[in-house]
PDB file of N, CA and C in Angstrom:
ATOM      1  N   MET A   1    -182.037 110.640  33.773  1.00  0.00           N
ATOM      2  CA  MET A   1    -181.165 111.353  34.823  1.00  0.00           C
ATOM      3  C   MET A   1    -182.099 112.305  35.483  1.00  0.00           C
ATOM      4  N   PRO A   2    -182.057 112.117  36.765  1.00  0.00           N
ATOM      5  CA  PRO A   2    -183.098 112.907  37.442  1.00  0.00           C
ATOM      6  C   PRO A   2    -182.431 114.461  37.591  1.00  0.00           C
ATOM      7  N   THR A   3    -183.278 115.320  37.426  1.00  0.00           N
ATOM      8  CA  THR A   3    -183.010 116.957  37.715  1.00  0.00           C
ATOM      9  C   THR A   3    -183.408 117.244  39.113  1.00  0.00           C
ATOM     10  N   ILE A   4    -182.263 117.651  39.862  1.00  0.00           N
ATOM     11  CA  ILE A   4    -182.801 117.861  41.446  1.00  0.00           C
ATOM     12  C   ILE A   4    -182.791 119.292  41.744  1.00  0.00           C
ATOM     13  N   CYS A   5    -182.481 120.154  40.668  1.00  0.00           N
ATOM     14  CA  CYS A   5    -182.661 121.524  40.980  1.00  0.00           C
ATOM     15  C   CYS A   5    -182.408 122.405  39.699  1.00  0.00           C
ATOM     16  N   ARG A   6    -183.104 123.548  39.578  1.00  0.00           N
ATOM     17  CA  ARG A   6    -182.976 124.416  38.624  1.00  0.00           C
ATOM     18  C   ARG A   6    -182.938 125.899  38.923  1.00  0.00           C
ATOM     19  N   PHE A   7    -182.145 126.945  38.564  1.00  0.00           N
ATOM     20  CA  PHE A   7    -182.063 128.245  38.953  1.00  0.00           C
ATOM     21  C   PHE A   7    -181.218 128.971  38.174  1.00  0.00           C
ATOM     22  N   PHE A   8    -181.648 130.205  37.855  1.00  0.00           N
ATOM     23  CA  PHE A   8    -181.107 131.082  36.792  1.00  0.00           C
ATOM     24  C   PHE A   8    -180.629 130.404  35.434  1.00  0.00           C
ATOM     25  N   GLY A   9    -181.476 129.512  34.814  1.00  0.00           N
ATOM     26  CA  GLY A   9    -181.173 128.883  33.720  1.00  0.00           C
ATOM     27  C   GLY A   9    -180.444 127.711  33.735  1.00  0.00           C
ATOM     28  N   ILE A  10    -179.814 127.259  34.952  1.00  0.00           N
ATOM     29  CA  ILE A  10    -178.772 126.312  35.327  1.00  0.00           C
ATOM     30  C   ILE A  10    -179.738 125.185  35.753  1.00  0.00           C
ATOM     31  N   THR A  11    -179.438 123.946  35.257  1.00  0.00           N
ATOM     32  CA  THR A  11    -180.023 122.860  35.781  1.00  0.00           C
ATOM     33  C   THR A  11    -179.111 121.748  36.256  1.00  0.00           C
ATOM     34  N   ILE A  12    -179.351 121.292  37.556  1.00  0.00           N
ATOM     35  CA  ILE A  12    -178.453 120.332  38.118  1.00  0.00           C
ATOM     36  C   ILE A  12    -178.997 118.861  38.126  1.00  0.00           C
ATOM     37  N   ARG A  13    -178.233 117.909  37.720  1.00  0.00           N
ATOM     38  CA  ARG A  13    -178.753 116.537  37.642  1.00  0.00           C
ATOM     39  C   ARG A  13    -177.702 115.647  38.419  1.00  0.00           C
ATOM     40  N   MET A  14    -178.283 114.282  38.510  1.00  0.00           N
ATOM     41  CA  MET A  14    -177.367 113.222  39.149  1.00  0.00           C
ATOM     42  C   MET A  14    -177.830 111.983  38.333  1.00  0.00           C
ATOM     43  N   TYR A  15    -176.976 111.266  37.818  1.00  0.00           N
ATOM     44  CA  TYR A  15    -177.175 110.033  37.294  1.00  0.00           C
ATOM     45  C   TYR A  15    -177.301 108.941  38.248  1.00  0.00           C
ATOM     46  N   TYR A  16    -178.062 107.752  38.070  1.00  0.00           N
ATOM     47  CA  TYR A  16    -178.156 106.535  38.843  1.00  0.00           C
ATOM     48  C   TYR A  16    -176.873 105.845  38.363  1.00  0.00           C
ATOM     49  N   ASP A  17    -176.339 105.245  39.063  1.00  0.00           N
ATOM     50  CA  ASP A  17    -175.221 104.144  38.930  1.00  0.00           C
ATOM     51  C   ASP A  17    -174.042 104.902  38.143  1.00  0.00           C
ATOM     52  N   ASP A  18    -173.773 106.077  38.586  1.00  0.00           N
ATOM     53  CA  ASP A  18    -172.627 106.834  38.162  1.00  0.00           C
ATOM     54  C   ASP A  18    -171.332 106.547  38.818  1.00  0.00           C
ATOM     55  N   HIS A  19    -170.351 106.708  38.272  1.00  0.00           N
ATOM     56  CA  HIS A  19    -169.000 106.192  38.595  1.00  0.00           C
ATOM     57  C   HIS A  19    -168.351 107.159  39.833  1.00  0.00           C
ATOM     58  N   LEU A  20    -167.589 106.774  40.811  1.00  0.00           N
ATOM     59  CA  LEU A  20    -166.856 107.890  41.709  1.00  0.00           C
ATOM     60  C   LEU A  20    -165.891 108.767  40.885  1.00  0.00           C
ATOM     61  N   PRO A  21    -165.669 109.720  41.634  1.00  0.00           N
ATOM     62  CA  PRO A  21    -165.944 110.139  42.897  1.00  0.00           C
ATOM     63  C   PRO A  21    -167.452 110.759  42.905  1.00  0.00           C
ATOM     64  N   PRO A  22    -168.119 110.865  43.978  1.00  0.00           N
ATOM     65  CA  PRO A  22    -169.463 111.397  44.016  1.00  0.00           C
ATOM     66  C   PRO A  22    -169.368 112.878  43.241  1.00  0.00           C
ATOM     67  N   HIS A  23    -170.238 112.827  42.520  1.00  0.00           N
ATOM     68  CA  HIS A  23    -170.482 114.361  41.745  1.00  0.00           C
ATOM     69  C   HIS A  23    -171.772 114.549  41.215  1.00  0.00           C
ATOM     70  N   PHE A  24    -171.940 115.677  40.661  1.00  0.00           N
ATOM     71  CA  PHE A  24    -173.345 116.078  40.139  1.00  0.00           C
ATOM     72  C   PHE A  24    -172.897 116.814  38.733  1.00  0.00           C
ATOM     73  N   HIS A  25    -173.844 117.036  37.937  1.00  0.00           N
ATOM     74  CA  HIS A  25    -173.812 117.572  36.686  1.00  0.00           C
ATOM     75  C   HIS A  25    -174.628 118.962  36.610  1.00  0.00           C
ATOM     76  N   ALA A  26    -173.876 120.035  35.969  1.00  0.00           N
ATOM     77  CA  ALA A  26    -174.610 121.112  36.060  1.00  0.00           C
ATOM     78  C   ALA A  26    -174.726 121.558  34.361  1.00  0.00           C
ATOM     79  N   TYR A  27    -175.846 121.997  34.040  1.00  0.00           N
ATOM     80  CA  TYR A  27    -176.153 122.499  32.502  1.00  0.00           C
ATOM     81  C   TYR A  27    -176.356 123.588  32.412  1.00  0.00           C
ATOM     82  N   TYR A  28    -176.082 124.483  31.589  1.00  0.00           N
ATOM     83  CA  TYR A  28    -176.409 125.901  31.252  1.00  0.00           C
ATOM     84  C   TYR A  28    -176.291 126.045  29.579  1.00  0.00           C
ATOM     85  N   GLY A  29    -177.420 126.187  29.204  1.00  0.00           N
ATOM     86  CA  GLY A  29    -177.431 126.133  27.590  1.00  0.00           C
ATOM     87  C   GLY A  29    -176.821 125.000  26.978  1.00  0.00           C
ATOM     88  N   ASP A  30    -175.872 125.262  26.251  1.00  0.00           N
ATOM     89  CA  ASP A  30    -175.192 124.137  25.352  1.00  0.00           C
ATOM     90  C   ASP A  30    -173.868 123.587  26.315  1.00  0.00           C
ATOM     91  N   GLN A  31    -173.619 124.088  27.315  1.00  0.00           N
ATOM     92  CA  GLN A  31    -172.370 123.892  28.034  1.00  0.00           C
ATOM     93  C   GLN A  31    -172.826 123.048  29.418  1.00  0.00           C
ATOM     94  N   SER A  32    -171.776 122.220  29.862  1.00  0.00           N
ATOM     95  CA  SER A  32    -172.040 121.347  30.980  1.00  0.00           C
ATOM     96  C   SER A  32    -170.749 120.920  31.724  1.00  0.00           C
ATOM     97  N   ALA A  33    -170.742 120.786  32.957  1.00  0.00           N
ATOM     98  CA  ALA A  33    -169.612 120.289  33.677  1.00  0.00           C
ATOM     99  C   ALA A  33    -170.089 119.220  34.883  1.00  0.00           C
ATOM    100  N   LYS A  34    -169.119 118.520  35.118  1.00  0.00           N
ATOM    101  CA  LYS A  34    -169.116 117.522  36.126  1.00  0.00           C
ATOM    102  C   LYS A  34    -168.459 118.016  37.262  1.00  0.00           C
ATOM    103  N   ILE A  35    -169.104 118.131  38.385  1.00  0.00           N
ATOM    104  CA  ILE A  35    -168.567 118.565  39.742  1.00  0.00           C
ATOM    105  C   ILE A  35    -168.324 117.707  40.893  1.00  0.00           C
ATOM    106  N   ASP A  36    -167.393 117.537  41.277  1.00  0.00           N
ATOM    107  CA  ASP A  36    -166.951 116.796  42.585  1.00  0.00           C
ATOM    108  C   ASP A  36    -167.861 117.306  43.669  1.00  0.00           C
ATOM    109  N   ILE A  37    -168.465 116.599  44.479  1.00  0.00           N
ATOM    110  CA  ILE A  37    -169.096 117.083  45.633  1.00  0.00           C
ATOM    111  C   ILE A  37    -168.280 117.420  46.798  1.00  0.00           C
ATOM    112  N   GLU A  38    -167.144 116.678  47.032  1.00  0.00           N
ATOM    113  CA  GLU A  38    -166.377 117.000  48.202  1.00  0.00           C
ATOM    114  C   GLU A  38    -165.524 118.204  47.824  1.00  0.00           C
ATOM    115  N   THR A  39    -164.937 118.300  46.695  1.00  0.00           N
ATOM    116  CA  THR A  39    -163.719 119.218  46.396  1.00  0.00           C
ATOM    117  C   THR A  39    -164.264 120.441  45.767  1.00  0.00           C
ATOM    118  N   LEU A  40    -165.679 120.352  45.202  1.00  0.00           N
ATOM    119  CA  LEU A  40    -166.060 121.307  44.099  1.00  0.00           C
ATOM    120  C   LEU A  40    -165.241 121.643  43.054  1.00  0.00           C
ATOM    121  N   ALA A  41    -164.323 120.685  42.691  1.00  0.00           N
ATOM    122  CA  ALA A  41    -163.556 121.020  41.424  1.00  0.00           C
ATOM    123  C   ALA A  41    -164.351 120.424  40.366  1.00  0.00           C
ATOM    124  N   ILE A  42    -164.209 121.046  39.201  1.00  0.00           N
ATOM    125  CA  ILE A  42    -164.830 120.492  37.924  1.00  0.00           C
ATOM    126  C   ILE A  42    -164.006 119.475  37.318  1.00  0.00           C
ATOM    127  N   ILE A  43    -164.672 118.302  37.279  1.00  0.00           N
ATOM    128  CA  ILE A  43    -164.074 116.931  36.839  1.00  0.00           C
ATOM    129  C   ILE A  43    -163.965 117.005  35.275  1.00  0.00           C
ATOM    130  N   ALA A  44    -164.992 117.626  34.580  1.00  0.00           N
ATOM    131  CA  ALA A  44    -164.815 117.567  33.153  1.00  0.00           C
ATOM    132  C   ALA A  44    -165.961 118.543  32.838  1.00  0.00           C
ATOM    133  N   GLY A  45    -165.698 119.238  31.608  1.00  0.00           N
ATOM    134  CA  GLY A  45    -166.588 120.022  30.964  1.00  0.00           C
ATOM    135  C   GLY A  45    -166.099 121.566  31.368  1.00  0.00           C
ATOM    136  N   THR A  46    -167.172 122.543  30.819  1.00  0.00           N
ATOM    137  CA  THR A  46    -166.687 123.881  31.288  1.00  0.00           C
ATOM    138  C   THR A  46    -168.154 124.729  31.376  1.00  0.00           C
ATOM    139  N   LEU A  47    -168.177 125.587  32.139  1.00  0.00           N
ATOM    140  CA  LEU A  47    -169.270 126.621  32.333  1.00  0.00           C
ATOM    141  C   LEU A  47    -168.736 128.047  32.431  1.00  0.00           C
ATOM    142  N   PRO A  48    -169.527 128.915  31.864  1.00  0.00           N
ATOM    143  CA  PRO A  48    -168.995 130.426  31.948  1.00  0.00           C
ATOM    144  C   PRO A  48    -168.761 130.608  33.181  1.00  0.00           C
ATOM    145  N   ARG A  49    -168.032 131.712  33.481  1.00  0.00           N
ATOM    146  CA  ARG A  49    -167.357 132.024  34.708  1.00  0.00           C
ATOM    147  C   ARG A  49    -168.370 132.276  35.803  1.00  0.00           C
ATOM    148  N   ARG A  50    -169.401 133.087  35.417  1.00  0.00           N
ATOM    149  CA  ARG A  50    -170.420 133.590  36.333  1.00  0.00           C
ATOM    150  C   ARG A  50    -171.323 132.277  36.658  1.00  0.00           C
ATOM    151  N   VAL A  51    -171.715 131.651  35.808  1.00  0.00           N
ATOM    152  CA  VAL A  51    -172.535 130.376  35.958  1.00  0.00           C
ATOM    153  C   VAL A  51    -171.759 129.443  36.792  1.00  0.00           C
ATOM    154  N   ARG A  52    -170.484 129.217  36.672  1.00  0.00           N
ATOM    155  CA  ARG A  52    -169.545 128.346  37.491  1.00  0.00           C
ATOM    156  C   ARG A  52    -169.497 129.046  39.006  1.00  0.00           C
ATOM    157  N   ALA A  53    -169.589 130.095  39.182  1.00  0.00           N
ATOM    158  CA  ALA A  53    -169.598 130.880  40.730  1.00  0.00           C
ATOM    159  C   ALA A  53    -170.869 130.650  41.016  1.00  0.00           C
ATOM    160  N   LEU A  54    -172.018 130.793  40.469  1.00  0.00           N
ATOM    161  CA  LEU A  54    -173.445 130.518  41.065  1.00  0.00           C
ATOM    162  C   LEU A  54    -173.506 129.020  41.260  1.00  0.00           C
ATOM    163  N   VAL A  55    -172.952 127.967  40.592  1.00  0.00           N
ATOM    164  CA  VAL A  55    -173.091 126.578  40.919  1.00  0.00           C
ATOM    165  C   VAL A  55    -172.369 126.285  42.084  1.00  0.00           C
ATOM    166  N   LEU A  56    -171.099 126.734  42.211  1.00  0.00           N
ATOM    167  CA  LEU A  56    -170.227 126.533  43.406  1.00  0.00           C
ATOM    168  C   LEU A  56    -170.694 127.058  44.649  1.00  0.00           C
ATOM    169  N   GLU A  57    -171.529 128.274  44.445  1.00  0.00           N
ATOM    170  CA  GLU A  57    -172.171 128.903  45.720  1.00  0.00           C
ATOM    171  C   GLU A  57    -173.398 127.944  45.954  1.00  0.00           C
ATOM    172  N   TRP A  58    -174.105 127.389  45.146  1.00  0.00           N
ATOM    173  CA  TRP A  58    -175.190 126.843  45.474  1.00  0.00           C
ATOM    174  C   TRP A  58    -174.697 125.370  46.143  1.00  0.00           C
ATOM    175  N   ALA A  59    -173.826 124.741  45.599  1.00  0.00           N
ATOM    176  CA  ALA A  59    -173.213 123.422  45.899  1.00  0.00           C
ATOM    177  C   ALA A  59    -172.609 123.599  47.444  1.00  0.00           C
ATOM    178  N   THR A  60    -172.027 124.671  47.671  1.00  0.00           N
ATOM    179  CA  THR A  60    -171.503 124.712  49.062  1.00  0.00           C
ATOM    180  C   THR A  60    -172.544 124.910  50.001  1.00  0.00           C
ATOM    181  N   ASP A  61    -173.602 125.634  49.784  1.00  0.00           N
ATOM    182  CA  ASP A  61    -174.927 125.719  50.450  1.00  0.00           C
ATOM    183  C   ASP A  61    -175.564 124.462  50.705  1.00  0.00           C
ATOM    184  N   HIS A  62    -175.482 123.410  49.778  1.00  0.00           N
ATOM    185  CA  HIS A  62    -176.206 122.273  49.869  1.00  0.00           C
ATOM    186  C   HIS A  62    -175.414 121.081  49.733  1.00  0.00           C
ATOM    187  N   ARG A  63    -174.015 120.989  50.074  1.00  0.00           N
ATOM    188  CA  ARG A  63    -173.248 119.819  50.040  1.00  0.00           C
ATOM    189  C   ARG A  63    -173.846 118.603  50.718  1.00  0.00           C
ATOM    190  N   GLU A  64    -174.172 118.854  51.996  1.00  0.00           N
ATOM    191  CA  GLU A  64    -174.700 117.756  52.665  1.00  0.00           C
ATOM    192  C   GLU A  64    -176.209 116.881  51.975  1.00  0.00           C
ATOM    193  N   GLU A  65    -176.775 117.867  51.231  1.00  0.00           N
ATOM    194  CA  GLU A  65    -178.057 117.188  50.392  1.00  0.00           C
ATOM    195  C   GLU A  65    -177.582 116.501  49.382  1.00  0.00           C
ATOM    196  N   LEU A  66    -176.402 117.160  48.589  1.00  0.00           N
ATOM    197  CA  LEU A  66    -175.673 116.513  47.595  1.00  0.00           C
ATOM    198  C   LEU A  66    -175.303 115.001  47.849  1.00  0.00           C
ATOM    199  N   ARG A  67    -174.563 115.020  49.001  1.00  0.00           N
ATOM    200  CA  ARG A  67    -174.050 113.868  49.554  1.00  0.00           C
ATOM    201  C   ARG A  67    -175.211 112.700  49.730  1.00  0.00           C
ATOM    202  N   ASP A  68    -176.335 113.313  50.395  1.00  0.00           N
ATOM    203  CA  ASP A  68    -177.604 112.340  50.598  1.00  0.00           C
ATOM    204  C   ASP A  68    -178.088 111.789  49.169  1.00  0.00           C
ATOM    205  N   ASN A  69    -178.336 112.566  48.433  1.00  0.00           N
ATOM    206  CA  ASN A  69    -178.767 112.331  46.917  1.00  0.00           C
ATOM    207  C   ASN A  69    -177.670 111.264  46.313  1.00  0.00           C
ATOM    208  N   TRP A  70    -176.446 111.554  46.399  1.00  0.00           N
ATOM    209  CA  TRP A  70    -175.660 110.502  45.903  1.00  0.00           C
ATOM    210  C   TRP A  70    -175.834 109.232  46.421  1.00  0.00           C
ATOM    211  N   LEU A  71    -176.026 108.977  47.690  1.00  0.00           N
ATOM    212  CA  LEU A  71    -176.229 107.783  48.427  1.00  0.00           C
ATOM    213  C   LEU A  71    -177.546 107.097  47.888  1.00  0.00           C
ATOM    214  N   LEU A  72    -178.624 108.072  47.808  1.00  0.00           N
ATOM    215  CA  LEU A  72    -179.709 107.389  47.148  1.00  0.00           C
ATOM    216  C   LEU A  72    -179.710 106.924  45.735  1.00  0.00           C
ATOM    217  N   ALA A  73    -178.869 107.652  45.005  1.00  0.00           N
ATOM    218  CA  ALA A  73    -178.604 107.286  43.680  1.00  0.00           C
ATOM    219  C   ALA A  73    -178.142 105.915  43.722  1.00  0.00           C
ATOM    220  N   GLU A  74    -177.067 105.786  44.453  1.00  0.00           N
ATOM    221  CA  GLU A  74    -176.296 104.506  44.404  1.00  0.00           C
ATOM    222  C   GLU A  74    -177.240 103.305  44.892  1.00  0.00           C
ATOM    223  N   ASP A  75    -178.313 103.435  45.629  1.00  0.00           N
ATOM    224  CA  ASP A  75    -179.421 102.478  46.036  1.00  0.00           C
ATOM    225  C   ASP A  75    -180.540 102.515  44.955  1.00  0.00           C
ATOM    226  N   HIS A  76    -180.634 103.340  43.927  1.00  0.00           N
ATOM    227  CA  HIS A  76    -181.561 103.287  43.102  1.00  0.00           C
ATOM    228  C   HIS A  76    -182.759 103.798  43.665  1.00  0.00           C
ATOM    229  N   GLN A  77    -182.803 105.009  44.617  1.00  0.00           N
ATOM    230  CA  GLN A  77    -183.811 105.454  45.274  1.00  0.00           C
ATOM    231  C   GLN A  77    -184.225 106.832  44.596  1.00  0.00           C
ATOM    232  N   PRO A  78    -185.466 107.152  44.600  1.00  0.00           N
ATOM    233  CA  PRO A  78    -185.918 108.597  44.267  1.00  0.00           C
ATOM    234  C   PRO A  78    -185.194 109.526  44.828  1.00  0.00           C
ATOM    235  N   LEU A  79    -184.539 110.460  43.895  1.00  0.00           N
ATOM    236  CA  LEU A  79    -183.636 111.641  44.529  1.00  0.00           C
ATOM    237  C   LEU A  79    -184.534 112.900  45.023  1.00  0.00           C
ATOM    238  N   ASN A  80    -184.000 113.454  46.050  1.00  0.00           N
ATOM    239  CA  ASN A  80    -184.684 114.670  46.809  1.00  0.00           C
ATOM    240  C   ASN A  80    -184.352 115.871  45.728  1.00  0.00           C
ATOM    241  N   ASN A  81    -185.600 116.769  45.666  1.00  0.00           N
ATOM    242  CA  ASN A  81    -185.192 118.069  45.008  1.00  0.00           C
ATOM    243  C   ASN A  81    -184.465 118.891  46.097  1.00  0.00           C
ATOM    244  N   ILE A  82    -183.663 119.740  45.542  1.00  0.00           N
ATOM    245  CA  ILE A  82    -182.776 120.655  46.444  1.00  0.00           C
ATOM    246  C   ILE A  82    -183.193 122.250  46.150  1.00  0.00           C
ATOM    247  N   ASP A  83    -183.491 122.932  47.101  1.00  0.00           N
ATOM    248  CA  ASP A  83    -183.867 124.229  46.884  1.00  0.00           C
ATOM    249  C   ASP A  83    -182.718 124.977  45.974  1.00  0.00           C
ATOM    250  N   PRO A  84    -183.424 125.970  44.995  1.00  0.00           N
ATOM    251  CA  PRO A  84    -182.425 126.565  44.372  1.00  0.00           C
ATOM    252  C   PRO A  84    -181.762 127.789  44.946  1.00  0.00           C
ATOM    253  N   LEU A  85    -180.782 128.297  44.243  1.00  0.00           N
ATOM    254  CA  LEU A  85    -179.996 129.416  44.756  1.00  0.00           C
ATOM    255  C   LEU A  85    -180.932 130.595  44.667  1.00  0.00           C
ATOM    256  N   GLU A  86    -181.155 131.508  45.633  1.00  0.00           N
ATOM    257  CA  GLU A  86    -182.010 132.673  45.385  1.00  0.00           C
ATOM    258  C   GLU A  86    -181.416 134.058  45.355  1.00  0.00           C
TER     259      GLU A  86
END
């Protein structure tokens, strides 16, 4: 599963051939969450409150890039790295 971004100890990844809805995975320590790209709702898992806020801020800023990467993953193309939250 390609890592597309890292910031503040958070790792953002996407799977190839993943199921709908379009989403990404956020990992922080031993916790993880699956997050819908369009709604930014957590589909599965949990993250600490502060980490969740950082991930959602990052995703809001990079939603179009996340959509583009989802389409690349569906076509088994290399995914683009996305700039971290600063």
